[in-house]
Protein backbone atom coordinates (compact mmCIF):
# COMPACT_ATOMS: atom_id res chain seq x y z
CA MET A 1 57.44 82.20 66.47
CA ARG A 2 60.94 82.40 67.88
CA SER A 3 61.35 78.64 67.04
CA GLY A 4 60.47 79.57 63.24
CA ILE A 5 57.31 77.95 63.05
CA CYS A 6 54.12 80.04 62.95
CA PRO A 7 51.48 79.37 65.90
CA LYS A 8 48.63 80.36 63.59
CA CYS A 9 49.17 78.12 60.26
CA ARG A 10 52.34 75.88 61.27
CA SER A 11 54.26 77.26 58.18
CA ALA A 12 57.96 77.56 58.75
CA SER A 13 58.00 80.75 56.59
CA VAL A 14 58.78 83.03 59.77
CA HIS A 15 61.00 86.16 59.53
CA PHE A 16 63.07 87.68 62.10
CA THR A 17 64.73 91.38 62.69
CA ARG A 18 65.14 93.86 65.42
CA ASN A 19 63.46 97.25 65.55
CA GLY A 20 61.50 96.34 62.30
CA ILE A 21 58.39 97.93 63.18
CA ARG A 22 58.11 101.92 63.99
CA ARG A 23 55.74 103.45 65.78
CA GLY A 24 55.88 107.26 66.26
CA GLN A 25 58.78 109.29 65.10
CA ALA A 26 61.25 107.75 67.59
CA PHE A 27 63.40 104.52 66.54
CA GLY A 28 62.01 101.95 68.56
CA LEU A 29 58.68 101.70 70.18
CA THR A 30 57.87 104.94 72.64
CA VAL A 31 56.25 103.30 75.78
CA ARG A 32 53.68 105.23 77.20
CA GLY A 33 53.86 105.85 80.98
CA ALA A 34 57.77 104.47 81.23
CA TRP A 35 59.06 107.64 79.35
CA SER A 36 61.39 105.74 77.16
CA THR A 37 62.15 104.14 74.03
CA ALA A 38 62.03 100.47 73.86
CA GLN A 39 63.94 98.22 71.14
CA SER A 40 61.87 95.23 69.83
CA GLU A 41 62.25 91.58 68.43
CA ASP A 42 59.78 91.30 65.46
CA PHE A 43 58.53 88.20 63.86
CA VAL A 44 56.29 87.94 60.75
CA CYS A 45 54.99 84.68 59.32
CA THR A 46 55.20 85.66 55.40
CA SER A 47 52.57 82.90 54.80
CA CYS A 48 49.42 83.95 56.84
CA GLY A 49 50.41 87.55 58.04
CA TYR A 50 50.73 86.82 61.82
CA PHE A 51 52.95 89.06 63.56
CA GLU A 52 54.70 88.93 67.07
CA GLN A 53 56.67 91.70 68.76
CA TYR A 54 58.74 91.71 71.98
CA PHE A 55 60.19 94.12 73.86
CA THR A 56 64.44 93.29 74.46
CA PRO A 57 65.18 92.88 77.97
CA GLY A 58 66.10 95.85 79.97
CA GLY A 59 64.95 98.79 81.95
CA THR A 60 61.89 99.18 79.92
CA LEU A 61 60.13 95.91 80.81
CA GLN A 62 60.83 96.78 84.67
CA LYS A 63 59.35 100.37 83.98
CA ILE A 64 56.24 98.81 82.28
CA ALA A 65 55.65 96.41 85.34
CA GLU A 66 56.07 99.52 87.55
CA LYS A 67 53.67 101.74 86.00
CA TRP A 68 51.11 99.82 83.96
CA PRO A 69 48.17 97.85 85.38
CA LEU A 70 48.43 93.88 85.59
CA ILE A 71 46.02 91.61 84.03
CA ARG A 72 44.87 89.42 86.42
CA PRO A 73 44.02 85.43 84.86
CA ALA A 74 40.50 85.10 84.48
CA ASN A 75 40.29 81.66 86.41
CA ARG A 76 41.89 83.35 89.68
CA SER A 77 39.43 85.17 91.74
CA GLN A 78 41.10 88.22 93.54
CA PRO A 79 39.48 90.08 96.46
CA GLY A 80 37.03 92.72 95.58
CA ASP A 81 36.58 90.61 92.16
CA ARG A 82 32.94 90.46 90.78
């Protein structure tokens, strides 16, 4: 999406804004477990409706890395995996 091409329909009808999607009452996104509000970059394809949202770099990403569980890739077995 950041390239201006939709990965779903291959259209060049991708639009961008910062903090364009509000969730909850605060400006930006409230991040559960990180006790902070994150700023975002929002991309929408107006041809098919596909949407991507990214946190802007900063302390919120580090807080998420510390507090949220990490999803391991399915093709890598970890000790204790079944």
